[in-house]
Amino acid sequence: MTISDQWKDYELIDASLGMKYERWGDIFLLRPDPQVIWNNGNLEEKYQGKIDAIYHRSNKGGGSWENLKSVPSSWMIHYNNLSFHIKQMGFKHTGLFPEQAVNWDFMISKIKNAGREIRVLNLFAYTGGATVACLSAGAHVTHVDSSRGMVDWCKENVNSSGYQGDHVRYIVDDVVKFVQREIRRGNKYDAIIMDPPSYGRGANGEVWDIERDLNYLVHICQEILSDDPLFFLINSYTTGLSSTVLSNLLEIEISSKYPGVVSHGEVGLPITNQSLVLPCGIYGRWEKK
């Protein structure tokens, strides 16, 4: 497992009975996490008076935030020279997945050491953690997501990090249709990142199913890779999907055409008060030899 343990503005303090207690800058949140099936006490009782907001699940699906103290509508945290706006979203999210810092570090290192200008395509790009990371390393990034709200949020993160300008292109579109158009246009990229959901809808209602559609997307992405690609990274939070599956896809679709090294595994966060690690997702990546 690759562990994201270099944060200063984020901390996973404790986890128990389906909940995790976190520090986001100066804000302390208690949120559900289905991976936390162990019992380390009732966190709401253990940290009484030290919790700013709790996310409560609803028996009917979804849930809502309960603010126990004054919580701003948006606040910022930093990872090295990257800046991110954090907000209380529906379905327990905050707009950032801190475990992805290990992937940001990987991308930044590869881009900085490439010795040339790198063009990156970020698909299912969400609020732009990877986009900001790649921009910080000097890359040109095309950021694609079907949600205009998420793309606007990415713009906030890019601007706050000081990387606004002509090095980033924002696209609100269905990912598959965008790649198909890029093939017709003859556009090429040196690195591709994707974080596909289990299910989703495109900008015009297109239906995405990871089990049905991921192989096709990776396959057509071959056609927009440059002659000297740097890396291809797939991240996933789909329950039951093994990182070996992502590795197999990359071996068949990318390594068959471009000599390189494929690796895969889990990403996780250290739990401060338990000396444990919380598994948070999986990755598969191809990188140039």
C-alpha atoms as a PDB file:
ATOM      1  CA  MET A   1       0.000   0.000   0.000  1.00  0.00           C
ATOM      2  CA  THR A   2       1.129   3.527  -0.817  1.00  0.00           C
ATOM      3  CA  ILE A   3       0.485   5.814   2.144  1.00  0.00           C
ATOM      4  CA  SER A   4      -0.153   9.555   1.962  1.00  0.00           C
ATOM      5  CA  ASP A   5       1.757  10.698   5.048  1.00  0.00           C
ATOM      6  CA  GLN A   6       3.218  14.090   4.083  1.00  0.00           C
ATOM      7  CA  TRP A   7       0.230  16.277   4.929  1.00  0.00           C
ATOM      8  CA  LYS A   8       0.423  19.175   7.396  1.00  0.00           C
ATOM      9  CA  ASP A   9      -3.031  20.727   6.824  1.00  0.00           C
ATOM     10  CA  TYR A  10      -4.914  17.411   6.867  1.00  0.00           C
ATOM     11  CA  GLU A  11      -4.929  14.673   9.489  1.00  0.00           C
ATOM     12  CA  LEU A  12      -6.959  11.487   9.946  1.00  0.00           C
ATOM     13  CA  ILE A  13      -7.002  11.475  13.726  1.00  0.00           C
ATOM     14  CA  ASP A  14      -9.153   8.458  14.599  1.00  0.00           C
ATOM     15  CA  ALA A  15     -11.524   5.902  13.074  1.00  0.00           C
ATOM     16  CA  SER A  16     -14.102   3.578  14.613  1.00  0.00           C
ATOM     17  CA  LEU A  17     -17.526   2.025  14.051  1.00  0.00           C
ATOM     18  CA  GLY A  18     -17.965   3.283  10.497  1.00  0.00           C
ATOM     19  CA  MET A  19     -16.800   6.842  11.199  1.00  0.00           C
ATOM     20  CA  LYS A  20     -13.586   8.828  10.777  1.00  0.00           C
ATOM     21  CA  TYR A  21     -12.500  11.931  12.704  1.00  0.00           C
ATOM     22  CA  GLU A  22     -10.409  14.337  10.625  1.00  0.00           C
ATOM     23  CA  ARG A  23      -8.731  17.710  10.792  1.00  0.00           C
ATOM     24  CA  TRP A  24      -9.033  19.861   7.669  1.00  0.00           C
ATOM     25  CA  GLY A  25      -6.891  22.871   8.489  1.00  0.00           C
ATOM     26  CA  ASP A  26      -8.561  24.230  11.639  1.00  0.00           C
ATOM     27  CA  ILE A  27     -11.891  22.439  11.043  1.00  0.00           C
ATOM     28  CA  PHE A  28     -12.620  19.053  12.658  1.00  0.00           C
ATOM     29  CA  LEU A  29     -15.099  16.791  10.862  1.00  0.00           C
ATOM     30  CA  LEU A  30     -16.692  13.450  11.737  1.00  0.00           C
ATOM     31  CA  ARG A  31     -17.752  11.543   8.614  1.00  0.00           C
ATOM     32  CA  PRO A  32     -18.850   8.002   7.689  1.00  0.00           C
ATOM     33  CA  ASP A  33     -16.443   5.564   6.030  1.00  0.00           C
ATOM     34  CA  PRO A  34     -17.589   2.039   5.116  1.00  0.00           C
ATOM     35  CA  GLN A  35     -14.050   0.617   5.464  1.00  0.00           C
ATOM     36  CA  VAL A  36     -14.005   1.359   9.191  1.00  0.00           C
ATOM     37  CA  ILE A  37     -15.589  -1.816  10.583  1.00  0.00           C
ATOM     38  CA  TRP A  38     -13.456  -1.996  13.758  1.00  0.00           C
ATOM     39  CA  ASN A  39     -14.441  -0.733  17.202  1.00  0.00           C
ATOM     40  CA  ASN A  40     -12.239   1.874  18.850  1.00  0.00           C
ATOM     41  CA  GLY A  41     -14.993   3.525  20.840  1.00  0.00           C
ATOM     42  CA  ASN A  42     -17.743   6.001  20.004  1.00  0.00           C
ATOM     43  CA  LEU A  43     -15.943   8.898  18.316  1.00  0.00           C
ATOM     44  CA  GLU A  44     -18.778  11.350  18.870  1.00  0.00           C
ATOM     45  CA  GLU A  45     -18.463  10.765  22.618  1.00  0.00           C
ATOM     46  CA  LYS A  46     -14.666  10.503  22.630  1.00  0.00           C
ATOM     47  CA  TYR A  47     -14.196  13.879  20.913  1.00  0.00           C
ATOM     48  CA  GLN A  48     -17.204  15.689  22.359  1.00  0.00           C
ATOM     49  CA  GLY A  49     -16.631  19.430  22.179  1.00  0.00           C
ATOM     50  CA  LYS A  50     -13.844  18.988  19.629  1.00  0.00           C
ATOM     51  CA  ILE A  51     -16.027  18.317  16.567  1.00  0.00           C
ATOM     52  CA  ASP A  52     -17.073  21.171  14.288  1.00  0.00           C
ATOM     53  CA  ALA A  53     -19.473  19.169  12.084  1.00  0.00           C
ATOM     54  CA  ILE A  54     -20.878  15.656  11.752  1.00  0.00           C
ATOM     55  CA  TYR A  55     -22.276  14.046   8.631  1.00  0.00           C
ATOM     56  CA  HIS A  56     -25.333  11.916   9.457  1.00  0.00           C
ATOM     57  CA  ARG A  57     -26.457   9.231   7.057  1.00  0.00           C
ATOM     58  CA  SER A  58     -30.165   8.920   6.298  1.00  0.00           C
ATOM     59  CA  ASN A  59     -31.985   5.587   6.307  1.00  0.00           C
ATOM     60  CA  LYS A  60     -33.524   6.685   3.005  1.00  0.00           C
ATOM     61  CA  GLY A  61     -30.099   7.257   1.388  1.00  0.00           C
ATOM     62  CA  GLY A  62     -27.783  10.236   1.406  1.00  0.00           C
ATOM     63  CA  GLY A  63     -27.658  12.330   4.536  1.00  0.00           C
ATOM     64  CA  SER A  64     -26.838  15.792   5.817  1.00  0.00           C
ATOM     65  CA  TRP A  65     -24.282  17.819   7.748  1.00  0.00           C
ATOM     66  CA  GLU A  66     -24.896  18.965  11.312  1.00  0.00           C
ATOM     67  CA  ASN A  67     -22.708  21.920  12.215  1.00  0.00           C
ATOM     68  CA  LEU A  68     -21.978  21.861  15.943  1.00  0.00           C
ATOM     69  CA  LYS A  69     -19.857  24.997  15.661  1.00  0.00           C
ATOM     70  CA  SER A  70     -19.530  27.792  13.121  1.00  0.00           C
ATOM     71  CA  VAL A  71     -18.180  26.281   9.898  1.00  0.00           C
ATOM     72  CA  PRO A  72     -17.375  28.559   6.926  1.00  0.00           C
ATOM     73  CA  SER A  73     -19.023  27.807   3.602  1.00  0.00           C
ATOM     74  CA  SER A  74     -15.527  27.349   2.160  1.00  0.00           C
ATOM     75  CA  TRP A  75     -12.029  27.261   3.613  1.00  0.00           C
ATOM     76  CA  MET A  76      -8.568  26.499   2.270  1.00  0.00           C
ATOM     77  CA  ILE A  77      -5.943  23.881   3.011  1.00  0.00           C
ATOM     78  CA  HIS A  78      -2.511  23.444   1.447  1.00  0.00           C
ATOM     79  CA  TYR A  79      -0.302  20.571   0.359  1.00  0.00           C
ATOM     80  CA  ASN A  80       3.183  21.969  -0.189  1.00  0.00           C
ATOM     81  CA  ASN A  81       2.576  24.708  -2.810  1.00  0.00           C
ATOM     82  CA  LEU A  82      -0.877  23.420  -3.808  1.00  0.00           C
ATOM     83  CA  SER A  83      -4.012  25.131  -2.459  1.00  0.00           C
ATOM     84  CA  PHE A  84      -7.509  23.663  -2.254  1.00  0.00           C
ATOM     85  CA  HIS A  85     -10.937  25.039  -1.351  1.00  0.00           C
ATOM     86  CA  ILE A  86     -12.797  22.715   1.027  1.00  0.00           C
ATOM     87  CA  LYS A  87     -16.604  22.730   1.264  1.00  0.00           C
ATOM     88  CA  GLN A  88     -19.268  20.599   2.919  1.00  0.00           C
ATOM     89  CA  MET A  89     -20.890  18.731   0.045  1.00  0.00           C
ATOM     90  CA  GLY A  90     -23.817  16.361  -0.128  1.00  0.00           C
ATOM     91  CA  PHE A  91     -23.089  12.680   0.462  1.00  0.00           C
ATOM     92  CA  LYS A  92     -20.340  13.433   3.047  1.00  0.00           C
ATOM     93  CA  HIS A  93     -17.700  14.787   0.627  1.00  0.00           C
ATOM     94  CA  THR A  94     -15.457  17.853   0.978  1.00  0.00           C
ATOM     95  CA  GLY A  95     -14.224  18.268  -2.605  1.00  0.00           C
ATOM     96  CA  LEU A  96     -10.818  16.679  -1.991  1.00  0.00           C
ATOM     97  CA  PHE A  97      -9.461  13.174  -1.453  1.00  0.00           C
ATOM     98  CA  PRO A  98      -6.268  13.664   0.613  1.00  0.00           C
ATOM     99  CA  GLU A  99      -4.974  10.143  -0.022  1.00  0.00           C
ATOM    100  CA  GLN A 100      -4.423  11.211  -3.640  1.00  0.00           C
ATOM    101  CA  ALA A 101      -1.396  13.231  -2.539  1.00  0.00           C
ATOM    102  CA  VAL A 102       0.773  10.176  -3.196  1.00  0.00           C
ATOM    103  CA  ASN A 103      -0.358  10.212  -6.822  1.00  0.00           C
ATOM    104  CA  TRP A 104       0.229  13.974  -7.037  1.00  0.00           C
ATOM    105  CA  ASP A 105       3.798  13.420  -5.816  1.00  0.00           C
ATOM    106  CA  PHE A 106       4.302  10.744  -8.479  1.00  0.00           C
ATOM    107  CA  MET A 107       2.999  13.004 -11.270  1.00  0.00           C
ATOM    108  CA  ILE A 108       5.034  16.014 -10.155  1.00  0.00           C
ATOM    109  CA  SER A 109       8.246  13.976 -10.030  1.00  0.00           C
ATOM    110  CA  LYS A 110       7.695  12.427 -13.459  1.00  0.00           C
ATOM    111  CA  ILE A 111       6.874  15.778 -15.098  1.00  0.00           C
ATOM    112  CA  LYS A 112       9.743  17.691 -13.495  1.00  0.00           C
ATOM    113  CA  ASN A 113      12.257  15.012 -14.467  1.00  0.00           C
ATOM    114  CA  ALA A 114      11.003  14.645 -18.051  1.00  0.00           C
ATOM    115  CA  GLY A 115      13.261  17.407 -19.347  1.00  0.00           C
ATOM    116  CA  ARG A 116      10.662  18.577 -21.858  1.00  0.00           C
ATOM    117  CA  GLU A 117       7.233  20.168 -22.085  1.00  0.00           C
ATOM    118  CA  ILE A 118       4.542  17.712 -21.003  1.00  0.00           C
ATOM    119  CA  ARG A 119       0.890  17.801 -22.079  1.00  0.00           C
ATOM    120  CA  VAL A 120      -1.462  16.122 -19.577  1.00  0.00           C
ATOM    121  CA  LEU A 121      -5.079  15.029 -20.045  1.00  0.00           C
ATOM    122  CA  ASN A 122      -7.056  14.706 -16.797  1.00  0.00           C
ATOM    123  CA  LEU A 123     -10.333  12.799 -17.293  1.00  0.00           C
ATOM    124  CA  PHE A 124     -13.164  12.626 -14.715  1.00  0.00           C
ATOM    125  CA  ALA A 125     -11.063  15.406 -13.245  1.00  0.00           C
ATOM    126  CA  TYR A 126     -13.420  16.488 -10.412  1.00  0.00           C
ATOM    127  CA  THR A 127     -12.182  19.555  -8.490  1.00  0.00           C
ATOM    128  CA  GLY A 128      -8.704  19.318  -9.965  1.00  0.00           C
ATOM    129  CA  GLY A 129      -6.293  17.953  -7.371  1.00  0.00           C
ATOM    130  CA  ALA A 130      -4.253  16.260 -10.084  1.00  0.00           C
ATOM    131  CA  THR A 131      -4.673  19.246 -12.399  1.00  0.00           C
ATOM    132  CA  VAL A 132      -3.173  21.628  -9.847  1.00  0.00           C
ATOM    133  CA  ALA A 133      -0.349  19.165  -9.107  1.00  0.00           C
ATOM    134  CA  CYS A 134       0.603  18.809 -12.766  1.00  0.00           C
ATOM    135  CA  LEU A 135       0.424  22.569 -13.346  1.00  0.00           C
ATOM    136  CA  SER A 136       2.761  23.084 -10.393  1.00  0.00           C
ATOM    137  CA  ALA A 137       5.324  20.881 -12.146  1.00  0.00           C
ATOM    138  CA  GLY A 138       5.134  22.981 -15.323  1.00  0.00           C
ATOM    139  CA  ALA A 139       2.811  20.818 -17.433  1.00  0.00           C
ATOM    140  CA  HIS A 140       0.069  21.973 -19.796  1.00  0.00           C
ATOM    141  CA  VAL A 141      -3.190  20.381 -18.587  1.00  0.00           C
ATOM    142  CA  THR A 142      -6.558  19.716 -20.206  1.00  0.00           C
ATOM    143  CA  HIS A 143      -9.116  19.242 -17.419  1.00  0.00           C
ATOM    144  CA  VAL A 144     -12.292  17.341 -18.426  1.00  0.00           C
ATOM    145  CA  ASP A 145     -15.355  16.702 -16.277  1.00  0.00           C
ATOM    146  CA  SER A 146     -19.069  16.451 -17.086  1.00  0.00           C
ATOM    147  CA  SER A 147     -20.050  18.705 -14.150  1.00  0.00           C
ATOM    148  CA  ARG A 148     -19.728  22.454 -14.677  1.00  0.00           C
ATOM    149  CA  GLY A 149     -19.788  22.954 -10.921  1.00  0.00           C
ATOM    150  CA  MET A 150     -16.741  20.714 -10.455  1.00  0.00           C
ATOM    151  CA  VAL A 151     -14.886  22.446 -13.284  1.00  0.00           C
ATOM    152  CA  ASP A 152     -15.627  25.848 -11.715  1.00  0.00           C
ATOM    153  CA  TRP A 153     -14.331  24.507  -8.392  1.00  0.00           C
ATOM    154  CA  CYS A 154     -11.136  23.410 -10.138  1.00  0.00           C
ATOM    155  CA  LYS A 155     -10.706  26.957 -11.451  1.00  0.00           C
ATOM    156  CA  GLU A 156     -10.871  28.204  -7.849  1.00  0.00           C
ATOM    157  CA  ASN A 157      -8.156  25.741  -6.812  1.00  0.00           C
ATOM    158  CA  VAL A 158      -5.945  26.592  -9.790  1.00  0.00           C
ATOM    159  CA  ASN A 159      -6.291  30.332  -9.198  1.00  0.00           C
ATOM    160  CA  SER A 160      -5.627  30.048  -5.462  1.00  0.00           C
ATOM    161  CA  SER A 161      -2.501  27.993  -6.189  1.00  0.00           C
ATOM    162  CA  GLY A 162      -1.257  30.715  -8.542  1.00  0.00           C
ATOM    163  CA  TYR A 163      -1.202  28.643 -11.728  1.00  0.00           C
ATOM    164  CA  GLN A 164      -3.906  30.376 -13.766  1.00  0.00           C
ATOM    165  CA  GLY A 165      -3.043  31.214 -17.339  1.00  0.00           C
ATOM    166  CA  ASP A 166      -2.733  29.573 -20.721  1.00  0.00           C
ATOM    167  CA  HIS A 167      -1.298  26.295 -19.320  1.00  0.00           C
ATOM    168  CA  VAL A 168      -4.739  24.917 -18.432  1.00  0.00           C
ATOM    169  CA  ARG A 169      -7.793  24.220 -20.574  1.00  0.00           C
ATOM    170  CA  TYR A 170     -11.177  23.512 -18.926  1.00  0.00           C
ATOM    171  CA  ILE A 171     -13.688  21.264 -20.686  1.00  0.00           C
ATOM    172  CA  VAL A 172     -17.237  20.427 -19.556  1.00  0.00           C
ATOM    173  CA  ASP A 173     -18.032  17.301 -21.543  1.00  0.00           C
ATOM    174  CA  ASP A 174     -18.633  13.578 -21.547  1.00  0.00           C
ATOM    175  CA  VAL A 175     -15.203  11.980 -21.243  1.00  0.00           C
ATOM    176  CA  VAL A 176     -15.634   9.309 -23.931  1.00  0.00           C
ATOM    177  CA  LYS A 177     -17.049  11.758 -26.479  1.00  0.00           C
ATOM    178  CA  PHE A 178     -14.239  14.209 -25.753  1.00  0.00           C
ATOM    179  CA  VAL A 179     -11.545  11.561 -26.353  1.00  0.00           C
ATOM    180  CA  GLN A 180     -13.259  10.497 -29.586  1.00  0.00           C
ATOM    181  CA  ARG A 181     -13.175  14.117 -30.800  1.00  0.00           C
ATOM    182  CA  GLU A 182      -9.523  14.495 -29.814  1.00  0.00           C
ATOM    183  CA  ILE A 183      -8.725  11.452 -31.962  1.00  0.00           C
ATOM    184  CA  ARG A 184     -10.404  13.107 -34.952  1.00  0.00           C
ATOM    185  CA  ARG A 185      -8.576  16.377 -34.264  1.00  0.00           C
ATOM    186  CA  GLY A 186      -5.230  14.609 -34.035  1.00  0.00           C
ATOM    187  CA  ASN A 187      -4.415  16.017 -30.582  1.00  0.00           C
ATOM    188  CA  LYS A 188      -1.839  14.138 -28.507  1.00  0.00           C
ATOM    189  CA  TYR A 189      -0.937  13.949 -24.820  1.00  0.00           C
ATOM    190  CA  ASP A 190       2.188  12.802 -22.995  1.00  0.00           C
ATOM    191  CA  ALA A 191       0.317  11.733 -19.868  1.00  0.00           C
ATOM    192  CA  ILE A 192      -3.258  10.660 -19.134  1.00  0.00           C
ATOM    193  CA  ILE A 193      -4.952  10.578 -15.735  1.00  0.00           C
ATOM    194  CA  MET A 194      -8.422   9.221 -15.092  1.00  0.00           C
ATOM    195  CA  ASP A 195     -10.545   8.746 -11.979  1.00  0.00           C
ATOM    196  CA  PRO A 196     -13.664   7.031 -13.333  1.00  0.00           C
ATOM    197  CA  PRO A 197     -16.753   6.667 -11.123  1.00  0.00           C
ATOM    198  CA  SER A 198     -18.585   3.360 -10.799  1.00  0.00           C
ATOM    199  CA  TYR A 199     -21.600   4.921 -12.503  1.00  0.00           C
ATOM    200  CA  GLY A 200     -22.231   8.384 -13.816  1.00  0.00           C
ATOM    201  CA  ARG A 201     -23.805  10.623 -16.414  1.00  0.00           C
ATOM    202  CA  GLY A 202     -22.114  12.801 -18.980  1.00  0.00           C
ATOM    203  CA  ALA A 203     -22.805  16.450 -19.741  1.00  0.00           C
ATOM    204  CA  ASN A 204     -25.729  15.467 -22.000  1.00  0.00           C
ATOM    205  CA  GLY A 205     -27.035  12.502 -20.007  1.00  0.00           C
ATOM    206  CA  GLU A 206     -24.628   9.890 -21.366  1.00  0.00           C
ATOM    207  CA  VAL A 207     -24.521   6.853 -19.059  1.00  0.00           C
ATOM    208  CA  TRP A 208     -21.153   5.607 -17.738  1.00  0.00           C
ATOM    209  CA  ASP A 209     -20.699   2.104 -16.263  1.00  0.00           C
ATOM    210  CA  ILE A 210     -17.121   1.316 -15.224  1.00  0.00           C
ATOM    211  CA  GLU A 211     -17.409  -2.445 -15.783  1.00  0.00           C
ATOM    212  CA  ARG A 212     -18.792  -1.940 -19.287  1.00  0.00           C
ATOM    213  CA  ASP A 213     -16.968   1.186 -20.417  1.00  0.00           C
ATOM    214  CA  LEU A 214     -13.515   1.439 -18.803  1.00  0.00           C
ATOM    215  CA  ASN A 215     -11.759  -0.974 -21.153  1.00  0.00           C
ATOM    216  CA  TYR A 216     -13.065   0.879 -24.216  1.00  0.00           C
ATOM    217  CA  LEU A 217     -11.976   4.244 -22.817  1.00  0.00           C
ATOM    218  CA  VAL A 218      -8.449   3.045 -22.059  1.00  0.00           C
ATOM    219  CA  HIS A 219      -8.296   1.443 -25.510  1.00  0.00           C
ATOM    220  CA  ILE A 220      -9.199   4.629 -27.408  1.00  0.00           C
ATOM    221  CA  CYS A 221      -6.866   6.688 -25.209  1.00  0.00           C
ATOM    222  CA  GLN A 222      -3.994   4.852 -26.943  1.00  0.00           C
ATOM    223  CA  GLU A 223      -4.770   6.920 -30.024  1.00  0.00           C
ATOM    224  CA  ILE A 224      -4.214  10.255 -28.287  1.00  0.00           C
ATOM    225  CA  LEU A 225      -0.953   9.325 -26.559  1.00  0.00           C
ATOM    226  CA  SER A 226       2.136  10.996 -27.982  1.00  0.00           C
ATOM    227  CA  ASP A 227       4.984   9.008 -29.526  1.00  0.00           C
ATOM    228  CA  ASP A 228       6.902   9.320 -26.252  1.00  0.00           C
ATOM    229  CA  PRO A 229       4.345   9.103 -23.418  1.00  0.00           C
ATOM    230  CA  LEU A 230       5.373   9.633 -19.818  1.00  0.00           C
ATOM    231  CA  PHE A 231       2.672   7.957 -17.719  1.00  0.00           C
ATOM    232  CA  PHE A 232      -0.908   6.679 -17.686  1.00  0.00           C
ATOM    233  CA  LEU A 233      -2.655   6.612 -14.299  1.00  0.00           C
ATOM    234  CA  ILE A 234      -6.043   5.117 -13.409  1.00  0.00           C
ATOM    235  CA  ASN A 235      -7.497   5.697  -9.956  1.00  0.00           C
ATOM    236  CA  SER A 236     -10.663   4.044  -8.650  1.00  0.00           C
ATOM    237  CA  TYR A 237     -12.936   3.910  -5.627  1.00  0.00           C
ATOM    238  CA  THR A 238     -15.265   1.256  -7.067  1.00  0.00           C
ATOM    239  CA  THR A 239     -16.131  -1.304  -4.398  1.00  0.00           C
ATOM    240  CA  GLY A 240     -14.980  -4.807  -5.290  1.00  0.00           C
ATOM    241  CA  LEU A 241     -12.673  -3.727  -8.127  1.00  0.00           C
ATOM    242  CA  SER A 242      -9.137  -5.029  -7.634  1.00  0.00           C
ATOM    243  CA  SER A 243      -6.081  -2.959  -8.492  1.00  0.00           C
ATOM    244  CA  THR A 244      -4.919  -5.996 -10.464  1.00  0.00           C
ATOM    245  CA  VAL A 245      -7.789  -5.351 -12.882  1.00  0.00           C
ATOM    246  CA  LEU A 246      -6.403  -1.871 -13.582  1.00  0.00           C
ATOM    247  CA  SER A 247      -2.922  -3.351 -14.014  1.00  0.00           C
ATOM    248  CA  ASN A 248      -4.246  -5.935 -16.477  1.00  0.00           C
ATOM    249  CA  LEU A 249      -5.981  -3.224 -18.527  1.00  0.00           C
ATOM    250  CA  LEU A 250      -2.777  -1.209 -18.754  1.00  0.00           C
ATOM    251  CA  GLU A 251      -0.675  -4.251 -19.618  1.00  0.00           C
ATOM    252  CA  ILE A 252      -2.962  -5.165 -22.520  1.00  0.00           C
ATOM    253  CA  GLU A 253      -3.892  -1.714 -23.816  1.00  0.00           C
ATOM    254  CA  ILE A 254      -0.786   0.409 -23.136  1.00  0.00           C
ATOM    255  CA  SER A 255       2.268  -1.814 -22.545  1.00  0.00           C
ATOM    256  CA  SER A 256       1.515  -3.715 -25.727  1.00  0.00           C
ATOM    257  CA  LYS A 257       2.264  -0.527 -27.673  1.00  0.00           C
ATOM    258  CA  TYR A 258       4.610   1.437 -25.405  1.00  0.00           C
ATOM    259  CA  PRO A 259       7.459  -0.248 -23.479  1.00  0.00           C
ATOM    260  CA  GLY A 260       7.161   0.655 -19.827  1.00  0.00           C
ATOM    261  CA  VAL A 261       6.538  -0.509 -16.291  1.00  0.00           C
ATOM    262  CA  VAL A 262       3.070  -1.222 -14.886  1.00  0.00           C
ATOM    263  CA  SER A 263       2.393  -1.098 -11.148  1.00  0.00           C
ATOM    264  CA  HIS A 264      -0.733  -1.224  -9.015  1.00  0.00           C
ATOM    265  CA  GLY A 265      -1.894  -1.168  -5.421  1.00  0.00           C
ATOM    266  CA  GLU A 266      -3.923   0.571  -2.742  1.00  0.00           C
ATOM    267  CA  VAL A 267      -3.649   4.123  -1.457  1.00  0.00           C
ATOM    268  CA  GLY A 268      -4.203   4.835   2.209  1.00  0.00           C
ATOM    269  CA  LEU A 269      -4.060   7.354   5.037  1.00  0.00           C
ATOM    270  CA  PRO A 270      -2.305   6.903   8.386  1.00  0.00           C
ATOM    271  CA  ILE A 271      -4.550   7.098  11.466  1.00  0.00           C
ATOM    272  CA  THR A 272      -2.776   9.236  14.060  1.00  0.00           C
ATOM    273  CA  ASN A 273      -4.340   7.888  17.266  1.00  0.00           C
ATOM    274  CA  GLN A 274      -4.290   4.211  16.291  1.00  0.00           C
ATOM    275  CA  SER A 275      -1.035   3.609  14.383  1.00  0.00           C
ATOM    276  CA  LEU A 276      -3.198   1.996  11.702  1.00  0.00           C
ATOM    277  CA  VAL A 277      -3.789   2.747   8.019  1.00  0.00           C
ATOM    278  CA  LEU A 278      -7.173   3.382   6.421  1.00  0.00           C
ATOM    279  CA  PRO A 279      -7.386   1.945   2.870  1.00  0.00           C
ATOM    280  CA  CYS A 280      -8.940   4.563   0.606  1.00  0.00           C
ATOM    281  CA  GLY A 281      -8.851   3.376  -3.000  1.00  0.00           C
ATOM    282  CA  ILE A 282      -6.799   1.668  -5.684  1.00  0.00           C
ATOM    283  CA  TYR A 283      -4.574   2.695  -8.570  1.00  0.00           C
ATOM    284  CA  GLY A 284      -2.951   1.216 -11.639  1.00  0.00           C
ATOM    285  CA  ARG A 285      -0.250   3.059 -13.545  1.00  0.00           C
ATOM    286  CA  TRP A 286       1.953   2.660 -16.550  1.00  0.00           C
ATOM    287  CA  GLU A 287       5.137   4.703 -16.684  1.00  0.00           C
ATOM    288  CA  LYS A 288       7.894   5.133 -19.203  1.00  0.00           C
ATOM    289  CA  LYS A 289      10.993   3.021 -18.561  1.00  0.00           C
END
